[in-house]
Amino acid sequence: MPAIEVGRVCIKTAGREAGKVCVIVDILDKNFVIVDGLVKRRRCNIKHLEPTEKKVDIQKGATTEEVKLALDAAGLLKEE
């Protein structure tokens, strides 16, 4: 199970969105990914993410709507 992959559900550990659920949408390089979900879509350092064992089925570069639909289908879309 690769920890950093497209579709991996993570929890942000740093910044104003710390503690919120997000999904990796794209991998930029070995240090940065694009995340989306219950957080604003943005670039994020992988050191600021805590990967979970959950994974949703999305394509690389999925839109915000597709990500939220996948989270809802997985039962992870609970606004905090």
PDB file of N, CA and C in Angstrom:
ATOM      1  N   MET A   1       0.837  -1.178   0.000  1.00  0.00           N
ATOM      2  CA  MET A   1       0.000   0.000   0.000  1.00  0.00           C
ATOM      3  C   MET A   1       0.885   1.245   0.000  1.00  0.00           C
ATOM      4  N   PRO A   2       1.004   1.913  -1.128  1.00  0.00           N
ATOM      5  CA  PRO A   2       1.751   3.173  -1.125  1.00  0.00           C
ATOM      6  C   PRO A   2       0.993   4.220  -0.304  1.00  0.00           C
ATOM      7  N   ALA A   3       1.714   4.940   0.528  1.00  0.00           N
ATOM      8  CA  ALA A   3       1.063   5.927   1.386  1.00  0.00           C
ATOM      9  C   ALA A   3       0.618   7.146   0.593  1.00  0.00           C
ATOM     10  N   ILE A   4       1.420   7.562  -0.371  1.00  0.00           N
ATOM     11  CA  ILE A   4       1.095   8.753  -1.154  1.00  0.00           C
ATOM     12  C   ILE A   4       0.742   8.309  -2.564  1.00  0.00           C
ATOM     13  N   GLU A   5      -0.570   8.316  -2.866  1.00  0.00           N
ATOM     14  CA  GLU A   5      -1.058   7.950  -4.192  1.00  0.00           C
ATOM     15  C   GLU A   5      -2.359   8.690  -4.448  1.00  0.00           C
ATOM     16  N   VAL A   6      -2.727   8.822  -5.704  1.00  0.00           N
ATOM     17  CA  VAL A   6      -3.961   9.510  -6.070  1.00  0.00           C
ATOM     18  C   VAL A   6      -5.149   8.740  -5.499  1.00  0.00           C
ATOM     19  N   GLY A   7      -6.026   9.453  -4.798  1.00  0.00           N
ATOM     20  CA  GLY A   7      -7.198   8.837  -4.199  1.00  0.00           C
ATOM     21  C   GLY A   7      -7.039   8.504  -2.726  1.00  0.00           C
ATOM     22  N   ARG A   8      -5.837   8.600  -2.195  1.00  0.00           N
ATOM     23  CA  ARG A   8      -5.603   8.287  -0.782  1.00  0.00           C
ATOM     24  C   ARG A   8      -6.258   9.354   0.098  1.00  0.00           C
ATOM     25  N   VAL A   9      -7.034   8.919   1.067  1.00  0.00           N
ATOM     26  CA  VAL A   9      -7.669   9.829   2.017  1.00  0.00           C
ATOM     27  C   VAL A   9      -6.653  10.140   3.110  1.00  0.00           C
ATOM     28  N   CYS A  10      -6.481  11.435   3.415  1.00  0.00           N
ATOM     29  CA  CYS A  10      -5.502  11.875   4.405  1.00  0.00           C
ATOM     30  C   CYS A  10      -6.155  12.840   5.382  1.00  0.00           C
ATOM     31  N   ILE A  11      -5.447  13.100   6.466  1.00  0.00           N
ATOM     32  CA  ILE A  11      -5.850  14.120   7.424  1.00  0.00           C
ATOM     33  C   ILE A  11      -4.731  15.149   7.468  1.00  0.00           C
ATOM     34  N   LYS A  12      -5.088  16.420   7.314  1.00  0.00           N
ATOM     35  CA  LYS A  12      -4.084  17.485   7.376  1.00  0.00           C
ATOM     36  C   LYS A  12      -3.635  17.653   8.819  1.00  0.00           C
ATOM     37  N   THR A  13      -2.329  17.809   9.020  1.00  0.00           N
ATOM     38  CA  THR A  13      -1.781  17.917  10.368  1.00  0.00           C
ATOM     39  C   THR A  13      -1.229  19.298  10.675  1.00  0.00           C
ATOM     40  N   ALA A  14      -1.174  20.186   9.688  1.00  0.00           N
ATOM     41  CA  ALA A  14      -0.607  21.512   9.908  1.00  0.00           C
ATOM     42  C   ALA A  14      -1.437  22.557   9.176  1.00  0.00           C
ATOM     43  N   GLY A  15      -1.358  23.785   9.668  1.00  0.00           N
ATOM     44  CA  GLY A  15      -2.049  24.881   9.006  1.00  0.00           C
ATOM     45  C   GLY A  15      -3.448  25.101   9.548  1.00  0.00           C
ATOM     46  N   ARG A  16      -4.153  26.041   8.932  1.00  0.00           N
ATOM     47  CA  ARG A  16      -5.493  26.389   9.414  1.00  0.00           C
ATOM     48  C   ARG A  16      -6.502  25.285   9.173  1.00  0.00           C
ATOM     49  N   GLU A  17      -6.207  24.359   8.272  1.00  0.00           N
ATOM     50  CA  GLU A  17      -7.122  23.253   7.978  1.00  0.00           C
ATOM     51  C   GLU A  17      -6.708  21.965   8.687  1.00  0.00           C
ATOM     52  N   ALA A  18      -5.876  22.068   9.705  1.00  0.00           N
ATOM     53  CA  ALA A  18      -5.393  20.889  10.435  1.00  0.00           C
ATOM     54  C   ALA A  18      -6.562  20.119  11.036  1.00  0.00           C
ATOM     55  N   GLY A  19      -6.520  18.799  10.903  1.00  0.00           N
ATOM     56  CA  GLY A  19      -7.562  17.939  11.433  1.00  0.00           C
ATOM     57  C   GLY A  19      -8.676  17.638  10.449  1.00  0.00           C
ATOM     58  N   LYS A  20      -8.647  18.252   9.282  1.00  0.00           N
ATOM     59  CA  LYS A  20      -9.702  18.034   8.289  1.00  0.00           C
ATOM     60  C   LYS A  20      -9.295  16.944   7.296  1.00  0.00           C
ATOM     61  N   VAL A  21     -10.310  16.304   6.733  1.00  0.00           N
ATOM     62  CA  VAL A  21     -10.107  15.204   5.790  1.00  0.00           C
ATOM     63  C   VAL A  21      -9.879  15.765   4.393  1.00  0.00           C
ATOM     64  N   CYS A  22      -8.925  15.190   3.681  1.00  0.00           N
ATOM     65  CA  CYS A  22      -8.660  15.590   2.301  1.00  0.00           C
ATOM     66  C   CYS A  22      -8.281  14.350   1.492  1.00  0.00           C
ATOM     67  N   VAL A  23      -8.265  14.515   0.177  1.00  0.00           N
ATOM     68  CA  VAL A  23      -7.924  13.428  -0.741  1.00  0.00           C
ATOM     69  C   VAL A  23      -6.814  13.915  -1.656  1.00  0.00           C
ATOM     70  N   ILE A  24      -5.831  13.061  -1.909  1.00  0.00           N
ATOM     71  CA  ILE A  24      -4.761  13.409  -2.846  1.00  0.00           C
ATOM     72  C   ILE A  24      -5.314  13.300  -4.263  1.00  0.00           C
ATOM     73  N   VAL A  25      -5.234  14.411  -5.009  1.00  0.00           N
ATOM     74  CA  VAL A  25      -5.773  14.482  -6.361  1.00  0.00           C
ATOM     75  C   VAL A  25      -4.664  14.349  -7.399  1.00  0.00           C
ATOM     76  N   ASP A  26      -3.477  14.846  -7.086  1.00  0.00           N
ATOM     77  CA  ASP A  26      -2.360  14.805  -8.030  1.00  0.00           C
ATOM     78  C   ASP A  26      -1.055  14.839  -7.241  1.00  0.00           C
ATOM     79  N   ILE A  27      -0.011  14.231  -7.795  1.00  0.00           N
ATOM     80  CA  ILE A  27       1.311  14.239  -7.177  1.00  0.00           C
ATOM     81  C   ILE A  27       2.204  15.139  -8.021  1.00  0.00           C
ATOM     82  N   LEU A  28       2.741  16.193  -7.397  1.00  0.00           N
ATOM     83  CA  LEU A  28       3.578  17.143  -8.121  1.00  0.00           C
ATOM     84  C   LEU A  28       5.034  16.685  -8.181  1.00  0.00           C
ATOM     85  N   ASP A  29       5.606  16.349  -7.044  1.00  0.00           N
ATOM     86  CA  ASP A  29       6.966  15.813  -6.985  1.00  0.00           C
ATOM     87  C   ASP A  29       7.097  15.022  -5.687  1.00  0.00           C
ATOM     88  N   LYS A  30       8.321  14.758  -5.240  1.00  0.00           N
ATOM     89  CA  LYS A  30       8.491  13.902  -4.063  1.00  0.00           C
ATOM     90  C   LYS A  30       8.084  14.582  -2.760  1.00  0.00           C
ATOM     91  N   ASN A  31       7.865  15.896  -2.784  1.00  0.00           N
ATOM     92  CA  ASN A  31       7.511  16.612  -1.564  1.00  0.00           C
ATOM     93  C   ASN A  31       6.108  17.204  -1.544  1.00  0.00           C
ATOM     94  N   PHE A  32       5.509  17.436  -2.712  1.00  0.00           N
ATOM     95  CA  PHE A  32       4.239  18.145  -2.766  1.00  0.00           C
ATOM     96  C   PHE A  32       3.176  17.389  -3.546  1.00  0.00           C
ATOM     97  N   VAL A  33       1.920  17.523  -3.080  1.00  0.00           N
ATOM     98  CA  VAL A  33       0.762  16.943  -3.753  1.00  0.00           C
ATOM     99  C   VAL A  33      -0.330  18.008  -3.817  1.00  0.00           C
ATOM    100  N   ILE A  34      -1.339  17.759  -4.654  1.00  0.00           N
ATOM    101  CA  ILE A  34      -2.536  18.592  -4.686  1.00  0.00           C
ATOM    102  C   ILE A  34      -3.606  17.848  -3.896  1.00  0.00           C
ATOM    103  N   VAL A  35      -4.219  18.534  -2.916  1.00  0.00           N
ATOM    104  CA  VAL A  35      -5.277  17.927  -2.119  1.00  0.00           C
ATOM    105  C   VAL A  35      -6.582  18.679  -2.327  1.00  0.00           C
ATOM    106  N   ASP A  36      -7.687  17.974  -2.099  1.00  0.00           N
ATOM    107  CA  ASP A  36      -9.018  18.553  -2.237  1.00  0.00           C
ATOM    108  C   ASP A  36      -9.947  17.763  -1.335  1.00  0.00           C
ATOM    109  N   GLY A  37     -11.156  18.218  -1.179  1.00  0.00           N
ATOM    110  CA  GLY A  37     -12.131  17.512  -0.354  1.00  0.00           C
ATOM    111  C   GLY A  37     -12.804  18.471   0.592  1.00  0.00           C
ATOM    112  N   LEU A  38     -12.650  18.239   1.901  1.00  0.00           N
ATOM    113  CA  LEU A  38     -13.218  19.144   2.893  1.00  0.00           C
ATOM    114  C   LEU A  38     -12.291  20.318   3.170  1.00  0.00           C
ATOM    115  N   VAL A  39     -11.239  20.441   2.379  1.00  0.00           N
ATOM    116  CA  VAL A  39     -10.317  21.572   2.441  1.00  0.00           C
ATOM    117  C   VAL A  39     -10.309  22.246   1.076  1.00  0.00           C
ATOM    118  N   LYS A  40      -9.800  23.474   1.037  1.00  0.00           N
ATOM    119  CA  LYS A  40      -9.674  24.166  -0.240  1.00  0.00           C
ATOM    120  C   LYS A  40      -8.628  23.447  -1.088  1.00  0.00           C
ATOM    121  N   ARG A  41      -8.895  23.322  -2.384  1.00  0.00           N
ATOM    122  CA  ARG A  41      -7.962  22.654  -3.289  1.00  0.00           C
ATOM    123  C   ARG A  41      -6.669  23.461  -3.346  1.00  0.00           C
ATOM    124  N   ARG A  42      -5.565  22.809  -2.987  1.00  0.00           N
ATOM    125  CA  ARG A  42      -4.288  23.510  -2.955  1.00  0.00           C
ATOM    126  C   ARG A  42      -3.121  22.532  -2.914  1.00  0.00           C
ATOM    127  N   ARG A  43      -1.942  23.087  -3.108  1.00  0.00           N
ATOM    128  CA  ARG A  43      -0.711  22.313  -2.989  1.00  0.00           C
ATOM    129  C   ARG A  43      -0.419  22.113  -1.510  1.00  0.00           C
ATOM    130  N   CYS A  44       0.072  20.938  -1.159  1.00  0.00           N
ATOM    131  CA  CYS A  44       0.335  20.623   0.241  1.00  0.00           C
ATOM    132  C   CYS A  44       1.612  19.791   0.344  1.00  0.00           C
ATOM    133  N   ASN A  45       2.415  20.105   1.334  1.00  0.00           N
ATOM    134  CA  ASN A  45       3.615  19.328   1.620  1.00  0.00           C
ATOM    135  C   ASN A  45       3.191  17.981   2.208  1.00  0.00           C
ATOM    136  N   ILE A  46       3.809  16.896   1.747  1.00  0.00           N
ATOM    137  CA  ILE A  46       3.411  15.574   2.245  1.00  0.00           C
ATOM    138  C   ILE A  46       3.761  15.394   3.722  1.00  0.00           C
ATOM    139  N   LYS A  47       4.661  16.210   4.254  1.00  0.00           N
ATOM    140  CA  LYS A  47       4.984  16.151   5.680  1.00  0.00           C
ATOM    141  C   LYS A  47       3.836  16.686   6.529  1.00  0.00           C
ATOM    142  N   HIS A  48       2.901  17.403   5.901  1.00  0.00           N
ATOM    143  CA  HIS A  48       1.755  17.965   6.613  1.00  0.00           C
ATOM    144  C   HIS A  48       0.508  17.105   6.454  1.00  0.00           C
ATOM    145  N   LEU A  49       0.671  15.879   5.944  1.00  0.00           N
ATOM    146  CA  LEU A  49      -0.451  14.965   5.745  1.00  0.00           C
ATOM    147  C   LEU A  49      -0.235  13.686   6.541  1.00  0.00           C
ATOM    148  N   GLU A  50      -1.326  13.147   7.060  1.00  0.00           N
ATOM    149  CA  GLU A  50      -1.293  11.839   7.716  1.00  0.00           C
ATOM    150  C   GLU A  50      -2.178  10.905   6.896  1.00  0.00           C
ATOM    151  N   PRO A  51      -1.583  10.026   6.083  1.00  0.00           N
ATOM    152  CA  PRO A  51      -2.389   9.123   5.247  1.00  0.00           C
ATOM    153  C   PRO A  51      -3.183   8.140   6.104  1.00  0.00           C
ATOM    154  N   THR A  52      -4.384   7.814   5.657  1.00  0.00           N
ATOM    155  CA  THR A  52      -5.198   6.800   6.318  1.00  0.00           C
ATOM    156  C   THR A  52      -5.187   5.546   5.451  1.00  0.00           C
ATOM    157  N   GLU A  53      -5.817   4.490   5.934  1.00  0.00           N
ATOM    158  CA  GLU A  53      -5.880   3.258   5.143  1.00  0.00           C
ATOM    159  C   GLU A  53      -6.966   3.335   4.078  1.00  0.00           C
ATOM    160  N   LYS A  54      -7.791   4.363   4.114  1.00  0.00           N
ATOM    161  CA  LYS A  54      -8.896   4.487   3.157  1.00  0.00           C
ATOM    162  C   LYS A  54      -8.420   5.083   1.839  1.00  0.00           C
ATOM    163  N   LYS A  55      -9.071   4.661   0.754  1.00  0.00           N
ATOM    164  CA  LYS A  55      -8.753   5.168  -0.579  1.00  0.00           C
ATOM    165  C   LYS A  55     -10.055   5.258  -1.356  1.00  0.00           C
ATOM    166  N   VAL A  56     -10.244   6.372  -2.070  1.00  0.00           N
ATOM    167  CA  VAL A  56     -11.426   6.536  -2.913  1.00  0.00           C
ATOM    168  C   VAL A  56     -11.002   6.402  -4.366  1.00  0.00           C
ATOM    169  N   ASP A  57     -11.935   6.008  -5.200  1.00  0.00           N
ATOM    170  CA  ASP A  57     -11.647   5.763  -6.611  1.00  0.00           C
ATOM    171  C   ASP A  57     -11.883   7.033  -7.413  1.00  0.00           C
ATOM    172  N   ILE A  58     -10.808   7.796  -7.656  1.00  0.00           N
ATOM    173  CA  ILE A  58     -10.883   8.996  -8.487  1.00  0.00           C
ATOM    174  C   ILE A  58      -9.739   8.968  -9.489  1.00  0.00           C
ATOM    175  N   GLN A  59      -9.910   9.728 -10.546  1.00  0.00           N
ATOM    176  CA  GLN A  59      -8.860   9.855 -11.552  1.00  0.00           C
ATOM    177  C   GLN A  59      -7.883  10.957 -11.140  1.00  0.00           C
ATOM    178  N   LYS A  60      -6.677  10.914 -11.675  1.00  0.00           N
ATOM    179  CA  LYS A  60      -5.693  11.959 -11.437  1.00  0.00           C
ATOM    180  C   LYS A  60      -6.244  13.275 -11.975  1.00  0.00           C
ATOM    181  N   GLY A  61      -6.211  14.326 -11.166  1.00  0.00           N
ATOM    182  CA  GLY A  61      -6.710  15.630 -11.586  1.00  0.00           C
ATOM    183  C   GLY A  61      -8.216  15.770 -11.510  1.00  0.00           C
ATOM    184  N   ALA A  62      -8.885  14.952 -10.704  1.00  0.00           N
ATOM    185  CA  ALA A  62     -10.346  14.990 -10.589  1.00  0.00           C
ATOM    186  C   ALA A  62     -10.813  16.355 -10.086  1.00  0.00           C
ATOM    187  N   THR A  63     -12.024  16.739 -10.487  1.00  0.00           N
ATOM    188  CA  THR A  63     -12.584  18.019 -10.067  1.00  0.00           C
ATOM    189  C   THR A  63     -13.056  17.933  -8.616  1.00  0.00           C
ATOM    190  N   THR A  64     -13.325  19.091  -8.038  1.00  0.00           N
ATOM    191  CA  THR A  64     -13.795  19.148  -6.659  1.00  0.00           C
ATOM    192  C   THR A  64     -15.107  18.397  -6.497  1.00  0.00           C
ATOM    193  N   GLU A  65     -16.004  18.515  -7.481  1.00  0.00           N
ATOM    194  CA  GLU A  65     -17.291  17.824  -7.414  1.00  0.00           C
ATOM    195  C   GLU A  65     -17.102  16.309  -7.423  1.00  0.00           C
ATOM    196  N   GLU A  66     -16.195  15.809  -8.268  1.00  0.00           N
ATOM    197  CA  GLU A  66     -15.928  14.370  -8.328  1.00  0.00           C
ATOM    198  C   GLU A  66     -15.351  13.863  -7.006  1.00  0.00           C
ATOM    199  N   VAL A  67     -14.477  14.660  -6.398  1.00  0.00           N
ATOM    200  CA  VAL A  67     -13.872  14.271  -5.124  1.00  0.00           C
ATOM    201  C   VAL A  67     -14.938  14.202  -4.034  1.00  0.00           C
ATOM    202  N   LYS A  68     -15.817  15.210  -3.981  1.00  0.00           N
ATOM    203  CA  LYS A  68     -16.863  15.214  -2.950  1.00  0.00           C
ATOM    204  C   LYS A  68     -17.855  14.078  -3.155  1.00  0.00           C
ATOM    205  N   LEU A  69     -18.171  13.744  -4.411  1.00  0.00           N
ATOM    206  CA  LEU A  69     -19.050  12.603  -4.677  1.00  0.00           C
ATOM    207  C   LEU A  69     -18.405  11.298  -4.208  1.00  0.00           C
ATOM    208  N   ALA A  70     -17.097  11.143  -4.462  1.00  0.00           N
ATOM    209  CA  ALA A  70     -16.388   9.930  -4.045  1.00  0.00           C
ATOM    210  C   ALA A  70     -16.331   9.834  -2.519  1.00  0.00           C
ATOM    211  N   LEU A  71     -16.099  10.960  -1.839  1.00  0.00           N
ATOM    212  CA  LEU A  71     -16.084  10.956  -0.374  1.00  0.00           C
ATOM    213  C   LEU A  71     -17.459  10.623   0.187  1.00  0.00           C
ATOM    214  N   ASP A  72     -18.511  11.153  -0.443  1.00  0.00           N
ATOM    215  CA  ASP A  72     -19.877  10.878   0.000  1.00  0.00           C
ATOM    216  C   ASP A  72     -20.211   9.399  -0.185  1.00  0.00           C
ATOM    217  N   ALA A  73     -19.797   8.821  -1.316  1.00  0.00           N
ATOM    218  CA  ALA A  73     -20.053   7.405  -1.581  1.00  0.00           C
ATOM    219  C   ALA A  73     -19.318   6.516  -0.572  1.00  0.00           C
ATOM    220  N   ALA A  74     -18.154   6.969  -0.114  1.00  0.00           N
ATOM    221  CA  ALA A  74     -17.379   6.198   0.859  1.00  0.00           C
ATOM    222  C   ALA A  74     -17.838   6.460   2.296  1.00  0.00           C
ATOM    223  N   GLY A  75     -18.774   7.393   2.468  1.00  0.00           N
ATOM    224  CA  GLY A  75     -19.277   7.709   3.802  1.00  0.00           C
ATOM    225  C   GLY A  75     -18.334   8.558   4.625  1.00  0.00           C
ATOM    226  N   LEU A  76     -17.463   9.306   3.968  1.00  0.00           N
ATOM    227  CA  LEU A  76     -16.476  10.122   4.675  1.00  0.00           C
ATOM    228  C   LEU A  76     -16.789  11.607   4.629  1.00  0.00           C
ATOM    229  N   LEU A  77     -17.909  11.980   4.032  1.00  0.00           N
ATOM    230  CA  LEU A  77     -18.224  13.394   3.845  1.00  0.00           C
ATOM    231  C   LEU A  77     -19.067  13.888   5.011  1.00  0.00           C
ATOM    232  N   LYS A  78     -18.390  14.179   6.108  1.00  0.00           N
ATOM    233  CA  LYS A  78     -19.083  14.776   7.246  1.00  0.00           C
ATOM    234  C   LYS A  78     -18.407  16.104   7.545  1.00  0.00           C
ATOM    235  N   GLU A  79     -19.120  17.169   7.308  1.00  0.00           N
ATOM    236  CA  GLU A  79     -18.582  18.512   7.530  1.00  0.00           C
ATOM    237  C   GLU A  79     -18.360  18.715   9.027  1.00  0.00           C
ATOM    238  N   GLU A  80     -17.215  19.279   9.370  1.00  0.00           N
ATOM    239  CA  GLU A  80     -16.910  19.511  10.790  1.00  0.00           C
ATOM    240  C   GLU A  80     -16.930  20.985  11.090  1.00  0.00           C
TER     241      GLU A  80
END
